[in-house]
Amino acid sequence: MLHITACVPTSNLLIQRSMAKLFQSFLYSHLPNKEHSGYVSGSGKIFKAMNFRIRYIQERFEIDFVALNKTYEQKIALDILKEGLKLGEIHFSDVTVSMQEWSLPSDVTQMEVQGYVCAALKNRLTKRKIFLEPGDERHTQIITNNALQKYEALLGKPYEGDLLITPYWQSLKPKIFWYEKTPYVAWLAKYAIEADTSMLQLLLDTGLGSDTMKNLGFLELVDG
């Protein structure tokens, strides 16, 4: 995993709301075109082979970037060291980069994680998205199906093992994530996941749930 810290001159809400789109564009401009177009599953759904999380502390940003192809993490780190970090017209100062171990042992078949995982249904009359809480069974069904399709799209073969995703805690209040002018709603939750090591690692490297390239779905390991 690549960990990036950076600062802007002043705390700015507009910058915070733009960061997901700006950092996504930064990644696509430094990586092969395939990572922009994505990988198609048998259902026709497109998935991306990476994920990121952006956190804001006043004028300071912390960005965690993970990718299925670990050379991408190294490339982004080197590009930032050589060129600095510029997202759109925003120049960041006091930029640091560091690599952190993110690989699971080869015999691991379960993990406990937390993150803001997005799952939604579309109202067939209004066409608006209805964001689901992790405690809703439909949330679990959606993110499980999403993980199975993603595995097929990214690894080129169907997943043949067991996959059990169990949410066991969630925050009472949701958080709104902005992508350009569109809000996405997600709740911080903890999940116990049982699966083959290859599936567990894929979820750590590419995120869980929908809209994972919009600052959503990033998973971090937690103690039980």
C-alpha atoms as a PDB file:
ATOM      1  CA  MET A   1       0.000   0.000   0.000  1.00  0.00           C
ATOM      2  CA  LEU A   2       1.141   3.514  -0.813  1.00  0.00           C
ATOM      3  CA  HIS A   3       0.562   6.114   1.899  1.00  0.00           C
ATOM      4  CA  ILE A   4       0.688   9.784   0.870  1.00  0.00           C
ATOM      5  CA  THR A   5       0.483  12.881   3.040  1.00  0.00           C
ATOM      6  CA  ALA A   6       0.212  16.422   1.682  1.00  0.00           C
ATOM      7  CA  CYS A   7      -0.902  19.905   2.657  1.00  0.00           C
ATOM      8  CA  VAL A   8      -2.741  22.796   1.023  1.00  0.00           C
ATOM      9  CA  PRO A   9      -2.359  26.444   2.148  1.00  0.00           C
ATOM     10  CA  THR A  10      -5.817  26.624   3.792  1.00  0.00           C
ATOM     11  CA  SER A  11      -8.657  24.289   4.666  1.00  0.00           C
ATOM     12  CA  ASN A  12     -11.119  24.406   1.766  1.00  0.00           C
ATOM     13  CA  LEU A  13     -14.426  22.528   1.517  1.00  0.00           C
ATOM     14  CA  LEU A  14     -14.479  22.786  -2.279  1.00  0.00           C
ATOM     15  CA  ILE A  15     -11.077  21.101  -2.494  1.00  0.00           C
ATOM     16  CA  GLN A  16     -12.295  18.307  -0.224  1.00  0.00           C
ATOM     17  CA  ARG A  17     -15.326  17.705  -2.424  1.00  0.00           C
ATOM     18  CA  SER A  18     -13.156  17.640  -5.549  1.00  0.00           C
ATOM     19  CA  MET A  19     -10.364  15.440  -4.251  1.00  0.00           C
ATOM     20  CA  ALA A  20     -11.807  12.035  -5.201  1.00  0.00           C
ATOM     21  CA  LYS A  21     -12.266  13.042  -8.842  1.00  0.00           C
ATOM     22  CA  LEU A  22      -8.912  14.824  -8.985  1.00  0.00           C
ATOM     23  CA  PHE A  23      -6.942  11.941  -7.488  1.00  0.00           C
ATOM     24  CA  GLN A  24      -8.743   9.423  -9.698  1.00  0.00           C
ATOM     25  CA  SER A  25      -7.764  11.489 -12.767  1.00  0.00           C
ATOM     26  CA  PHE A  26      -4.186  11.712 -11.478  1.00  0.00           C
ATOM     27  CA  LEU A  27      -3.984   7.915 -11.255  1.00  0.00           C
ATOM     28  CA  TYR A  28      -5.400   7.383 -14.734  1.00  0.00           C
ATOM     29  CA  SER A  29      -2.930   9.877 -16.216  1.00  0.00           C
ATOM     30  CA  HIS A  30       0.026   7.957 -14.757  1.00  0.00           C
ATOM     31  CA  LEU A  31      -1.113   4.379 -15.386  1.00  0.00           C
ATOM     32  CA  PRO A  32      -1.888   2.319 -18.522  1.00  0.00           C
ATOM     33  CA  ASN A  33      -5.128   3.124 -20.364  1.00  0.00           C
ATOM     34  CA  LYS A  34      -6.548  -0.262 -19.391  1.00  0.00           C
ATOM     35  CA  GLU A  35      -6.874   0.903 -15.810  1.00  0.00           C
ATOM     36  CA  HIS A  36      -9.121   3.729 -16.967  1.00  0.00           C
ATOM     37  CA  SER A  37     -11.355   1.603 -19.198  1.00  0.00           C
ATOM     38  CA  GLY A  38     -11.546  -1.162 -16.580  1.00  0.00           C
ATOM     39  CA  TYR A  39     -12.193  -4.885 -16.688  1.00  0.00           C
ATOM     40  CA  VAL A  40     -15.507  -6.363 -17.819  1.00  0.00           C
ATOM     41  CA  SER A  41     -17.227  -9.259 -16.044  1.00  0.00           C
ATOM     42  CA  GLY A  42     -19.468 -11.827 -17.690  1.00  0.00           C
ATOM     43  CA  SER A  43     -22.465  -9.726 -16.642  1.00  0.00           C
ATOM     44  CA  GLY A  44     -21.080  -6.736 -18.548  1.00  0.00           C
ATOM     45  CA  LYS A  45     -20.263  -4.759 -15.413  1.00  0.00           C
ATOM     46  CA  ILE A  46     -16.964  -2.859 -15.391  1.00  0.00           C
ATOM     47  CA  PHE A  47     -14.557  -3.080 -12.465  1.00  0.00           C
ATOM     48  CA  LYS A  48     -11.337  -1.304 -11.559  1.00  0.00           C
ATOM     49  CA  ALA A  49      -8.242  -3.051 -10.216  1.00  0.00           C
ATOM     50  CA  MET A  50      -7.348  -0.488  -7.562  1.00  0.00           C
ATOM     51  CA  ASN A  51      -8.799   1.589  -4.753  1.00  0.00           C
ATOM     52  CA  PHE A  52      -7.994   4.616  -2.624  1.00  0.00           C
ATOM     53  CA  ARG A  53      -9.032   6.390   0.547  1.00  0.00           C
ATOM     54  CA  ILE A  54      -8.695  10.116   1.222  1.00  0.00           C
ATOM     55  CA  ARG A  55      -8.900  11.560   4.710  1.00  0.00           C
ATOM     56  CA  TYR A  56      -8.915  15.249   5.621  1.00  0.00           C
ATOM     57  CA  ILE A  57      -7.480  16.866   8.734  1.00  0.00           C
ATOM     58  CA  GLN A  58      -7.985  20.630   8.281  1.00  0.00           C
ATOM     59  CA  GLU A  59      -5.502  21.586   5.526  1.00  0.00           C
ATOM     60  CA  ARG A  60      -3.757  18.189   5.622  1.00  0.00           C
ATOM     61  CA  PHE A  61      -4.649  15.248   3.403  1.00  0.00           C
ATOM     62  CA  GLU A  62      -3.822  11.580   3.882  1.00  0.00           C
ATOM     63  CA  ILE A  63      -4.245   9.285   0.877  1.00  0.00           C
ATOM     64  CA  ASP A  64      -3.929   5.497   0.862  1.00  0.00           C
ATOM     65  CA  PHE A  65      -3.638   3.846  -2.549  1.00  0.00           C
ATOM     66  CA  VAL A  66      -3.762   0.105  -3.241  1.00  0.00           C
ATOM     67  CA  ALA A  67      -3.695  -1.829  -6.494  1.00  0.00           C
ATOM     68  CA  LEU A  68      -3.923  -5.440  -7.560  1.00  0.00           C
ATOM     69  CA  ASN A  69      -0.779  -4.837  -9.610  1.00  0.00           C
ATOM     70  CA  LYS A  70       1.740  -3.824  -6.950  1.00  0.00           C
ATOM     71  CA  THR A  71       4.053  -2.191  -9.492  1.00  0.00           C
ATOM     72  CA  TYR A  72       1.408   0.536  -9.851  1.00  0.00           C
ATOM     73  CA  GLU A  73       1.841   1.533  -6.229  1.00  0.00           C
ATOM     74  CA  GLN A  74       5.584   1.839  -6.774  1.00  0.00           C
ATOM     75  CA  LYS A  75       5.120   3.820  -9.995  1.00  0.00           C
ATOM     76  CA  ILE A  76       2.794   6.364  -8.407  1.00  0.00           C
ATOM     77  CA  ALA A  77       5.208   6.762  -5.491  1.00  0.00           C
ATOM     78  CA  LEU A  78       8.167   7.376  -7.835  1.00  0.00           C
ATOM     79  CA  ASP A  79       6.181   9.799 -10.001  1.00  0.00           C
ATOM     80  CA  ILE A  80       5.228  11.850  -6.948  1.00  0.00           C
ATOM     81  CA  LEU A  81       8.826  11.892  -5.720  1.00  0.00           C
ATOM     82  CA  LYS A  82      10.023  13.081  -9.134  1.00  0.00           C
ATOM     83  CA  GLU A  83       7.262  15.536 -10.027  1.00  0.00           C
ATOM     84  CA  GLY A  84       5.558  16.436  -6.772  1.00  0.00           C
ATOM     85  CA  LEU A  85       1.803  16.169  -6.286  1.00  0.00           C
ATOM     86  CA  LYS A  86      -0.424  18.349  -8.418  1.00  0.00           C
ATOM     87  CA  LEU A  87      -4.125  17.515  -8.768  1.00  0.00           C
ATOM     88  CA  GLY A  88      -5.759  19.680 -11.388  1.00  0.00           C
ATOM     89  CA  GLU A  89      -4.660  23.226 -10.529  1.00  0.00           C
ATOM     90  CA  ILE A  90      -3.992  22.393  -6.882  1.00  0.00           C
ATOM     91  CA  HIS A  91      -0.345  22.281  -5.832  1.00  0.00           C
ATOM     92  CA  PHE A  92       0.356  20.411  -2.600  1.00  0.00           C
ATOM     93  CA  SER A  93       3.248  21.052  -0.242  1.00  0.00           C
ATOM     94  CA  ASP A  94       5.027  18.978   2.401  1.00  0.00           C
ATOM     95  CA  VAL A  95       4.342  15.819   0.382  1.00  0.00           C
ATOM     96  CA  THR A  96       5.555  12.501   1.784  1.00  0.00           C
ATOM     97  CA  VAL A  97       5.203   8.969   0.426  1.00  0.00           C
ATOM     98  CA  SER A  98       5.772   5.626   2.123  1.00  0.00           C
ATOM     99  CA  MET A  99       5.120   1.994   1.264  1.00  0.00           C
ATOM    100  CA  GLN A 100       3.363  -0.283   3.738  1.00  0.00           C
ATOM    101  CA  GLU A 101       2.948  -4.058   3.722  1.00  0.00           C
ATOM    102  CA  TRP A 102      -0.531  -5.041   2.588  1.00  0.00           C
ATOM    103  CA  SER A 103      -0.254  -8.740   1.697  1.00  0.00           C
ATOM    104  CA  LEU A 104      -1.978 -11.527   3.600  1.00  0.00           C
ATOM    105  CA  PRO A 105      -0.228 -14.821   4.450  1.00  0.00           C
ATOM    106  CA  SER A 106      -0.988 -17.500   1.859  1.00  0.00           C
ATOM    107  CA  ASP A 107      -3.015 -19.668   4.269  1.00  0.00           C
ATOM    108  CA  VAL A 108      -5.445 -17.006   5.528  1.00  0.00           C
ATOM    109  CA  THR A 109      -9.128 -17.833   4.965  1.00  0.00           C
ATOM    110  CA  GLN A 110     -10.830 -15.179   7.094  1.00  0.00           C
ATOM    111  CA  MET A 111     -10.333 -11.561   8.039  1.00  0.00           C
ATOM    112  CA  GLU A 112     -12.088  -8.791   9.890  1.00  0.00           C
ATOM    113  CA  VAL A 113     -12.120  -5.396   8.220  1.00  0.00           C
ATOM    114  CA  GLN A 114     -13.770  -2.014   8.444  1.00  0.00           C
ATOM    115  CA  GLY A 115     -14.625   0.636   5.917  1.00  0.00           C
ATOM    116  CA  TYR A 116     -17.264   2.778   4.275  1.00  0.00           C
ATOM    117  CA  VAL A 117     -18.805   0.260   1.867  1.00  0.00           C
ATOM    118  CA  CYS A 118     -21.415   1.550  -0.561  1.00  0.00           C
ATOM    119  CA  ALA A 119     -24.416  -0.445  -1.794  1.00  0.00           C
ATOM    120  CA  ALA A 120     -27.503   1.046  -3.381  1.00  0.00           C
ATOM    121  CA  LEU A 121     -30.711   0.228  -5.209  1.00  0.00           C
ATOM    122  CA  LYS A 122     -32.376   2.429  -7.797  1.00  0.00           C
ATOM    123  CA  ASN A 123     -35.970   3.535  -7.246  1.00  0.00           C
ATOM    124  CA  ARG A 124     -37.708   2.382 -10.415  1.00  0.00           C
ATOM    125  CA  LEU A 125     -40.070   5.373 -10.384  1.00  0.00           C
ATOM    126  CA  THR A 126     -37.829   8.278  -9.426  1.00  0.00           C
ATOM    127  CA  LYS A 127     -34.581   6.653 -10.721  1.00  0.00           C
ATOM    128  CA  ARG A 128     -32.878   7.913  -7.575  1.00  0.00           C
ATOM    129  CA  LYS A 129     -30.399   5.781  -5.653  1.00  0.00           C
ATOM    130  CA  ILE A 130     -31.456   4.368  -2.306  1.00  0.00           C
ATOM    131  CA  PHE A 131     -28.332   3.808  -0.211  1.00  0.00           C
ATOM    132  CA  LEU A 132     -28.537   0.754   2.037  1.00  0.00           C
ATOM    133  CA  GLU A 133     -27.244   0.391   5.575  1.00  0.00           C
ATOM    134  CA  PRO A 134     -24.832  -2.488   6.296  1.00  0.00           C
ATOM    135  CA  GLY A 135     -27.432  -4.016   8.603  1.00  0.00           C
ATOM    136  CA  ASP A 136     -29.813  -4.442   5.662  1.00  0.00           C
ATOM    137  CA  GLU A 137     -29.642  -7.963   4.196  1.00  0.00           C
ATOM    138  CA  ARG A 138     -29.836  -6.474   0.702  1.00  0.00           C
ATOM    139  CA  HIS A 139     -26.578  -4.630   1.380  1.00  0.00           C
ATOM    140  CA  THR A 140     -24.823  -7.940   2.055  1.00  0.00           C
ATOM    141  CA  GLN A 141     -26.327  -9.549  -1.039  1.00  0.00           C
ATOM    142  CA  ILE A 142     -25.231  -6.667  -3.274  1.00  0.00           C
ATOM    143  CA  ILE A 143     -21.640  -6.475  -2.032  1.00  0.00           C
ATOM    144  CA  THR A 144     -21.273 -10.281  -2.163  1.00  0.00           C
ATOM    145  CA  ASN A 145     -22.457 -10.438  -5.772  1.00  0.00           C
ATOM    146  CA  ASN A 146     -20.247  -7.473  -6.566  1.00  0.00           C
ATOM    147  CA  ALA A 147     -17.184  -9.252  -5.133  1.00  0.00           C
ATOM    148  CA  LEU A 148     -17.876 -12.421  -7.148  1.00  0.00           C
ATOM    149  CA  GLN A 149     -18.248 -10.475 -10.390  1.00  0.00           C
ATOM    150  CA  LYS A 150     -15.136  -8.421  -9.661  1.00  0.00           C
ATOM    151  CA  TYR A 151     -13.066 -11.555  -9.067  1.00  0.00           C
ATOM    152  CA  GLU A 152     -14.096 -12.941 -12.447  1.00  0.00           C
ATOM    153  CA  ALA A 153     -13.420  -9.639 -14.219  1.00  0.00           C
ATOM    154  CA  LEU A 154     -10.003  -8.978 -12.690  1.00  0.00           C
ATOM    155  CA  LEU A 155      -8.593 -12.509 -12.517  1.00  0.00           C
ATOM    156  CA  GLY A 156     -10.223 -13.876 -15.665  1.00  0.00           C
ATOM    157  CA  LYS A 157     -11.928 -16.860 -14.063  1.00  0.00           C
ATOM    158  CA  PRO A 158     -14.955 -17.546 -11.860  1.00  0.00           C
ATOM    159  CA  TYR A 159     -14.451 -17.723  -8.115  1.00  0.00           C
ATOM    160  CA  GLU A 160     -14.997 -21.315  -7.002  1.00  0.00           C
ATOM    161  CA  GLY A 161     -14.558 -21.060  -3.256  1.00  0.00           C
ATOM    162  CA  ASP A 162     -16.890 -20.082  -0.432  1.00  0.00           C
ATOM    163  CA  LEU A 163     -17.559 -16.416   0.258  1.00  0.00           C
ATOM    164  CA  LEU A 164     -19.317 -15.289   3.414  1.00  0.00           C
ATOM    165  CA  ILE A 165     -19.503 -11.595   4.279  1.00  0.00           C
ATOM    166  CA  THR A 166     -21.011 -10.825   7.689  1.00  0.00           C
ATOM    167  CA  PRO A 167     -21.439  -7.252   8.936  1.00  0.00           C
ATOM    168  CA  TYR A 168     -21.312  -7.211  12.742  1.00  0.00           C
ATOM    169  CA  TRP A 169     -21.150  -3.490  13.609  1.00  0.00           C
ATOM    170  CA  GLN A 170     -22.090  -0.219  11.936  1.00  0.00           C
ATOM    171  CA  SER A 171     -22.109   3.461  12.829  1.00  0.00           C
ATOM    172  CA  LEU A 172     -25.466   5.016  13.623  1.00  0.00           C
ATOM    173  CA  LYS A 173     -24.981   7.977  11.314  1.00  0.00           C
ATOM    174  CA  PRO A 174     -23.891   7.788   7.681  1.00  0.00           C
ATOM    175  CA  LYS A 175     -21.203   9.869   6.008  1.00  0.00           C
ATOM    176  CA  ILE A 176     -21.629  11.696   2.719  1.00  0.00           C
ATOM    177  CA  PHE A 177     -18.880  11.270   0.140  1.00  0.00           C
ATOM    178  CA  TRP A 178     -18.728  13.671  -2.782  1.00  0.00           C
ATOM    179  CA  TYR A 179     -17.661  12.812  -6.301  1.00  0.00           C
ATOM    180  CA  GLU A 180     -17.787  16.019  -8.299  1.00  0.00           C
ATOM    181  CA  LYS A 181     -21.314  17.270  -7.471  1.00  0.00           C
ATOM    182  CA  THR A 182     -22.815  13.870  -6.692  1.00  0.00           C
ATOM    183  CA  PRO A 183     -23.251  12.715  -3.072  1.00  0.00           C
ATOM    184  CA  TYR A 184     -22.797   9.075  -2.057  1.00  0.00           C
ATOM    185  CA  VAL A 185     -23.910   7.802   1.337  1.00  0.00           C
ATOM    186  CA  ALA A 186     -22.160   5.085   3.330  1.00  0.00           C
ATOM    187  CA  TRP A 187     -21.915   3.920   6.924  1.00  0.00           C
ATOM    188  CA  LEU A 188     -18.700   2.920   8.637  1.00  0.00           C
ATOM    189  CA  ALA A 189     -19.042  -0.797   9.371  1.00  0.00           C
ATOM    190  CA  LYS A 190     -17.052  -3.835  10.405  1.00  0.00           C
ATOM    191  CA  TYR A 191     -17.244  -7.075   8.443  1.00  0.00           C
ATOM    192  CA  ALA A 192     -16.087 -10.635   9.034  1.00  0.00           C
ATOM    193  CA  ILE A 193     -15.194 -12.173   5.676  1.00  0.00           C
ATOM    194  CA  GLU A 194     -14.539 -15.872   5.043  1.00  0.00           C
ATOM    195  CA  ALA A 195     -13.069 -16.780   1.655  1.00  0.00           C
ATOM    196  CA  ASP A 196     -10.015 -18.125  -0.125  1.00  0.00           C
ATOM    197  CA  THR A 197      -6.850 -16.078   0.311  1.00  0.00           C
ATOM    198  CA  SER A 198      -7.033 -14.924  -3.313  1.00  0.00           C
ATOM    199  CA  MET A 199     -10.478 -13.391  -2.759  1.00  0.00           C
ATOM    200  CA  LEU A 200      -9.501 -11.788   0.543  1.00  0.00           C
ATOM    201  CA  GLN A 201      -6.407 -10.216  -1.003  1.00  0.00           C
ATOM    202  CA  LEU A 202      -8.376  -9.005  -4.014  1.00  0.00           C
ATOM    203  CA  LEU A 203     -10.828  -7.197  -1.716  1.00  0.00           C
ATOM    204  CA  LEU A 204      -7.985  -5.571   0.229  1.00  0.00           C
ATOM    205  CA  ASP A 205      -6.366  -4.445  -3.025  1.00  0.00           C
ATOM    206  CA  THR A 206      -9.469  -3.239  -4.870  1.00  0.00           C
ATOM    207  CA  GLY A 207     -12.103  -2.464  -2.249  1.00  0.00           C
ATOM    208  CA  LEU A 208     -15.536  -3.797  -1.405  1.00  0.00           C
ATOM    209  CA  GLY A 209     -18.917  -2.658  -2.699  1.00  0.00           C
ATOM    210  CA  SER A 210     -19.852  -0.152  -5.393  1.00  0.00           C
ATOM    211  CA  ASP A 211     -18.127   3.051  -6.543  1.00  0.00           C
ATOM    212  CA  THR A 212     -14.756   2.033  -5.132  1.00  0.00           C
ATOM    213  CA  MET A 213     -12.869   4.582  -7.248  1.00  0.00           C
ATOM    214  CA  LYS A 214     -14.823   7.402  -5.629  1.00  0.00           C
ATOM    215  CA  ASN A 215     -13.204   7.244  -2.188  1.00  0.00           C
ATOM    216  CA  LEU A 216     -15.460   4.377  -1.092  1.00  0.00           C
ATOM    217  CA  GLY A 217     -14.988   0.708  -0.233  1.00  0.00           C
ATOM    218  CA  PHE A 218     -11.439   0.927   1.134  1.00  0.00           C
ATOM    219  CA  LEU A 219     -10.882  -1.825   3.720  1.00  0.00           C
ATOM    220  CA  GLU A 220      -8.480  -1.895   6.621  1.00  0.00           C
ATOM    221  CA  LEU A 221      -7.836  -4.897   8.844  1.00  0.00           C
ATOM    222  CA  VAL A 222      -9.093  -4.705  12.421  1.00  0.00           C
ATOM    223  CA  ASP A 223      -8.742  -6.837  15.499  1.00  0.00           C
ATOM    224  CA  GLY A 224     -11.855  -8.778  16.342  1.00  0.00           C
END
